[in-house]
């Protein structure tokens, strides 16, 4: 089951552009959502980064300054597109008895037979969205790919998950072993034709042909003038 970890947070007074001052203090701004209750907060940058970068999903026990504790999950994280640092995070509070919807990472296990035969492993879905009780959330979803041959796939509908409802399309392929790319062999005739140099344009012949055409055009115009 999902591991529950603790995140200590502080109430945040700096808002908008002023919140940038928090980065100098190694703090990350965030918001805790629980229905209509929204609390602006801040947390240690290293702690937030460790939770976000983890390959497991966590139910977080959020500890506020006044001693209050609330369970939550990380709902969204904003990352700086240039430097890659975390700029903001959202926590989604969990009410007692409430089912939650979240994305669970997919972990591939085993070495496919099809890859040993020259195929290429194509991992298409890295997270699967599910709904379940907070205490029934798996840290990740294991997908055993050892028996996959070339052209074989594992779809979402093939998963055996207990106590959870999958919200994604069951027909979607999580992983496939695709055939190796084919290299088209060049025939001897095509190779010989490619080696033959292109016939050079003879400037003299072209010029004579243009002069002959001009002479013929002048003759035709003269005949038409005599008829008139």
Protein backbone atom coordinates (compact mmCIF):
# COMPACT_ATOMS: atom_id res chain seq x y z
CA UNK A 1 0.00 0.00 0.00
CA UNK A 2 0.91 3.63 -0.31
CA UNK A 3 3.42 4.92 2.20
CA UNK A 4 2.24 7.81 4.38
CA UNK A 5 4.89 10.49 4.91
CA UNK A 6 4.97 13.71 6.89
CA UNK A 7 5.32 17.22 5.42
CA UNK A 8 5.79 20.11 7.83
CA UNK A 9 4.33 23.36 6.46
CA UNK A 10 4.11 26.98 7.58
CA UNK A 11 1.44 29.56 6.87
CA UNK A 12 2.48 31.83 4.00
CA UNK A 13 2.14 35.61 4.12
CA UNK A 14 4.03 36.47 0.92
CA UNK A 15 1.72 36.30 -2.12
CA UNK A 16 2.05 36.89 -5.86
CA UNK A 17 5.40 38.26 -7.02
CA UNK A 18 6.53 38.72 -3.41
CA UNK A 19 6.52 34.93 -3.03
CA UNK A 20 9.74 34.86 -5.09
CA UNK A 21 11.59 35.91 -1.93
CA UNK A 22 10.86 32.44 -0.54
CA UNK A 23 13.20 30.79 -3.05
CA UNK A 24 16.18 32.59 -1.50
CA UNK A 25 15.19 30.97 1.82
CA UNK A 26 14.97 27.51 0.19
CA UNK A 27 11.17 27.50 0.62
CA UNK A 28 8.50 26.54 -1.92
CA UNK A 29 5.06 28.23 -1.93
CA UNK A 30 1.98 26.05 -2.06
CA UNK A 31 -1.77 25.85 -1.46
CA UNK A 32 -3.75 23.32 0.56
CA UNK A 33 -7.21 22.66 -0.91
CA UNK A 34 -10.02 21.06 1.12
CA UNK A 35 -13.35 21.83 -0.51
CA UNK A 36 -13.88 25.59 -0.21
CA UNK A 37 -11.08 25.84 2.35
CA UNK A 38 -7.84 27.05 0.75
CA UNK A 39 -4.74 27.68 2.85
CA UNK A 40 -1.61 29.38 1.47
CA UNK A 41 1.48 27.70 2.85
CA UNK A 42 5.18 27.12 2.35
CA UNK A 43 7.47 24.12 2.89
CA UNK A 44 11.13 23.17 2.79
CA UNK A 45 12.36 23.00 -0.80
CA UNK A 46 14.37 19.77 -0.32
CA UNK A 47 11.43 17.99 1.31
CA UNK A 48 9.00 18.94 -1.45
CA UNK A 49 11.51 17.96 -4.12
CA UNK A 50 12.07 14.54 -2.55
CA UNK A 51 8.32 13.84 -2.54
CA UNK A 52 7.85 15.01 -6.12
CA UNK A 53 10.85 13.11 -7.50
CA UNK A 54 9.90 9.84 -5.77
CA UNK A 55 8.74 7.03 -8.06
CA UNK A 56 6.14 6.05 -5.45
CA UNK A 57 2.84 7.77 -4.72
CA UNK A 58 2.28 9.03 -1.20
CA UNK A 59 -0.58 9.98 1.06
CA UNK A 60 0.93 12.92 2.95
CA UNK A 61 0.29 13.81 6.57
CA UNK A 62 0.44 17.61 6.47
CA UNK A 63 1.48 19.15 9.80
CA UNK A 64 0.62 22.83 10.26
CA UNK A 65 2.29 25.24 12.68
CA UNK A 66 -0.62 25.14 15.11
CA UNK A 67 -0.30 21.37 15.48
CA UNK A 68 -3.20 20.55 13.14
CA UNK A 69 -2.72 17.48 10.94
CA UNK A 70 -4.50 16.79 7.65
CA UNK A 71 -4.09 14.01 5.12
CA UNK A 72 -3.49 15.05 1.53
CA UNK A 73 -1.94 14.10 -1.80
CA UNK A 74 0.18 16.25 -4.11
CA UNK A 75 -2.25 17.31 -6.81
CA UNK A 76 -0.14 19.53 -9.05
CA UNK A 77 3.42 20.83 -9.24
CA UNK A 78 4.67 23.80 -11.28
CA UNK A 79 8.22 23.44 -12.55
CA UNK A 80 10.47 26.18 -13.95
CA UNK A 81 10.82 25.36 -17.69
CA UNK A 82 14.36 26.79 -17.82
CA UNK A 83 16.02 25.78 -14.56
CA UNK A 84 13.83 22.78 -13.69
CA UNK A 85 13.25 23.90 -10.10
CA UNK A 86 9.89 23.56 -8.35
CA UNK A 87 8.03 26.89 -8.29
CA UNK A 88 4.74 25.94 -6.65
CA UNK A 89 2.81 22.90 -5.40
CA UNK A 90 -0.83 22.10 -4.64
CA UNK A 91 -2.02 19.74 -1.92
CA UNK A 92 -5.46 18.13 -2.23
CA UNK A 93 -6.91 17.45 1.20
CA UNK A 94 -8.64 14.13 1.91
CA UNK A 95 -11.88 14.03 3.88
CA UNK A 96 -12.71 11.08 6.10
CA UNK A 97 -14.43 8.32 4.10
CA UNK A 98 -13.80 10.07 0.79
CA UNK A 99 -12.53 8.18 -2.25
CA UNK A 100 -9.69 9.91 -4.07
CA UNK A 101 -8.64 9.98 -7.73
CA UNK A 102 -4.97 10.14 -8.57
CA UNK A 103 -2.35 8.88 -11.01
CA UNK A 104 -0.19 5.90 -10.07
CA UNK A 105 3.23 5.29 -11.69
CA UNK A 106 3.70 2.16 -13.81
CA UNK A 107 6.73 -0.04 -13.04
CA UNK A 108 7.81 -2.53 -15.71
CA UNK A 109 9.21 -5.83 -14.42
CA UNK A 110 11.19 -8.41 -16.40
CA UNK A 111 12.99 -8.55 -19.73
CA UNK A 112 10.68 -9.26 -22.72
CA UNK A 113 11.41 -12.30 -24.89
CA UNK A 114 10.61 -10.19 -27.94
CA UNK A 115 13.42 -7.76 -27.15
CA UNK A 116 15.89 -10.67 -27.00
CA UNK A 117 14.65 -11.59 -30.48
CA UNK A 118 15.40 -8.13 -31.81
CA UNK A 119 12.17 -6.29 -31.03
CA UNK A 120 11.94 -2.87 -29.39
CA UNK A 121 10.10 -2.23 -26.12
CA UNK A 122 7.64 0.67 -26.48
CA UNK A 123 6.42 1.97 -23.10
CA UNK A 124 3.42 4.20 -23.90
CA UNK A 125 1.69 4.77 -20.54
CA UNK A 126 3.79 5.73 -17.52
CA UNK A 127 0.95 6.64 -15.12
CA UNK A 128 -2.57 5.27 -14.73
CA UNK A 129 -5.41 7.25 -13.18
CA UNK A 130 -7.39 5.36 -10.53
CA UNK A 131 -9.99 5.98 -7.84
CA UNK A 132 -9.95 4.30 -4.44
CA UNK A 133 -9.92 4.73 -0.66
CA UNK A 134 -6.91 6.66 0.71
CA UNK A 135 -5.75 3.55 2.60
CA UNK A 136 -5.90 1.34 -0.51
CA UNK A 137 -3.69 3.35 -2.87
CA UNK A 138 -0.74 1.32 -4.22
CA UNK A 139 2.68 2.99 -4.40
CA UNK A 140 2.98 1.85 -8.01
CA UNK A 141 1.48 -0.61 -10.49
CA UNK A 142 3.74 -3.47 -11.53
CA UNK A 143 3.47 -4.75 -15.10
CA UNK A 144 5.34 -7.99 -15.87
CA UNK A 145 6.62 -7.85 -19.45
CA UNK A 146 8.82 -10.98 -19.41
CA UNK A 147 6.50 -13.08 -21.61
CA UNK A 148 5.94 -10.45 -24.30
CA UNK A 149 6.98 -11.53 -27.78
CA UNK A 150 7.30 -9.36 -30.87
CA UNK A 151 3.97 -7.54 -31.59
CA UNK A 152 2.59 -8.50 -28.14
CA UNK A 153 1.02 -5.82 -25.92
CA UNK A 154 -0.34 -5.36 -22.42
CA UNK A 155 -3.42 -3.15 -22.14
CA UNK A 156 -4.95 -1.43 -19.13
CA UNK A 157 -7.80 -3.98 -19.18
CA UNK A 158 -5.24 -6.78 -18.63
CA UNK A 159 -4.26 -5.44 -15.19
CA UNK A 160 -5.44 -7.25 -12.06
CA UNK A 161 -6.04 -4.47 -9.52
CA UNK A 162 -7.92 -5.05 -6.28
CA UNK A 163 -9.84 -2.35 -4.44
CA UNK A 164 -9.32 0.30 -7.11
CA UNK A 165 -11.31 1.61 -10.06
CA UNK A 166 -9.34 2.44 -13.20
CA UNK A 167 -10.44 5.73 -14.79
CA UNK A 168 -8.38 5.53 -17.99
CA UNK A 169 -9.42 3.86 -21.26
CA UNK A 170 -9.15 0.07 -20.70
CA UNK A 171 -8.25 -0.48 -24.36
CA UNK A 172 -5.11 1.69 -24.15
CA UNK A 173 -1.82 -0.20 -24.54
CA UNK A 174 0.60 0.28 -21.67
CA UNK A 175 3.53 -1.46 -23.33
CA UNK A 176 4.20 -3.14 -26.69
CA UNK A 177 7.13 -4.97 -28.24
CA UNK A 178 7.34 -3.63 -31.78
CA UNK A 179 9.23 -5.38 -34.62
CA UNK A 180 12.72 -4.13 -35.45
CA UNK A 181 12.93 -1.60 -38.31
CA UNK A 182 13.35 -3.23 -41.72
CA UNK A 183 16.29 -2.19 -43.92
CA UNK A 184 15.41 -2.21 -47.62
CA UNK A 185 18.13 -3.96 -49.60
CA UNK A 186 19.25 -2.22 -52.79
CA UNK A 187 19.08 -4.33 -55.96
CA UNK A 188 22.17 -4.57 -58.20
CA UNK A 189 20.24 -2.82 -61.02
CA UNK A 190 19.32 0.15 -58.77
CA UNK A 191 22.90 0.42 -57.51
CA UNK A 192 24.27 0.42 -61.06
CA UNK A 193 21.79 3.10 -62.15
CA UNK A 194 22.74 5.27 -59.19
CA UNK A 195 26.44 5.01 -60.09
CA UNK A 196 25.92 6.19 -63.68
CA UNK A 197 26.72 9.89 -64.09
CA UNK A 198 23.96 12.14 -65.31
CA UNK A 199 24.21 13.15 -68.96
CA UNK A 200 25.74 16.67 -69.15
CA UNK A 201 23.81 19.39 -70.91
CA UNK A 202 25.41 20.39 -74.22
CA UNK A 203 25.25 24.19 -74.33
CA UNK A 204 26.02 24.39 -78.04
CA UNK A 205 23.19 22.06 -79.00
CA UNK A 206 20.73 23.91 -76.81
CA UNK A 207 21.67 27.24 -78.33
CA UNK A 208 21.30 25.88 -81.90
CA UNK A 209 17.89 24.45 -81.06
CA UNK A 210 16.76 27.83 -79.71
CA UNK A 211 17.97 29.60 -82.90
CA UNK A 212 16.16 27.09 -85.12
CA UNK A 213 12.94 27.63 -83.21
CA UNK A 214 13.24 31.42 -83.56
CA UNK A 215 13.85 31.07 -87.36
CA UNK A 216 10.83 28.81 -87.76
CA UNK A 217 8.64 31.25 -85.81
CA UNK A 218 9.77 34.17 -88.03
CA UNK A 219 8.99 32.17 -91.22
CA UNK A 220 5.50 31.38 -90.02
CA UNK A 221 4.81 35.04 -89.24
CA UNK A 222 5.99 36.01 -92.74
CA UNK A 223 3.65 33.56 -94.42
CA UNK A 224 0.70 34.85 -92.42
CA UNK A 225 1.53 38.43 -93.40
CA UNK A 226 1.58 37.59 -97.13
CA UNK A 227 -1.84 35.97 -96.85
CA UNK A 228 -3.22 39.20 -95.46
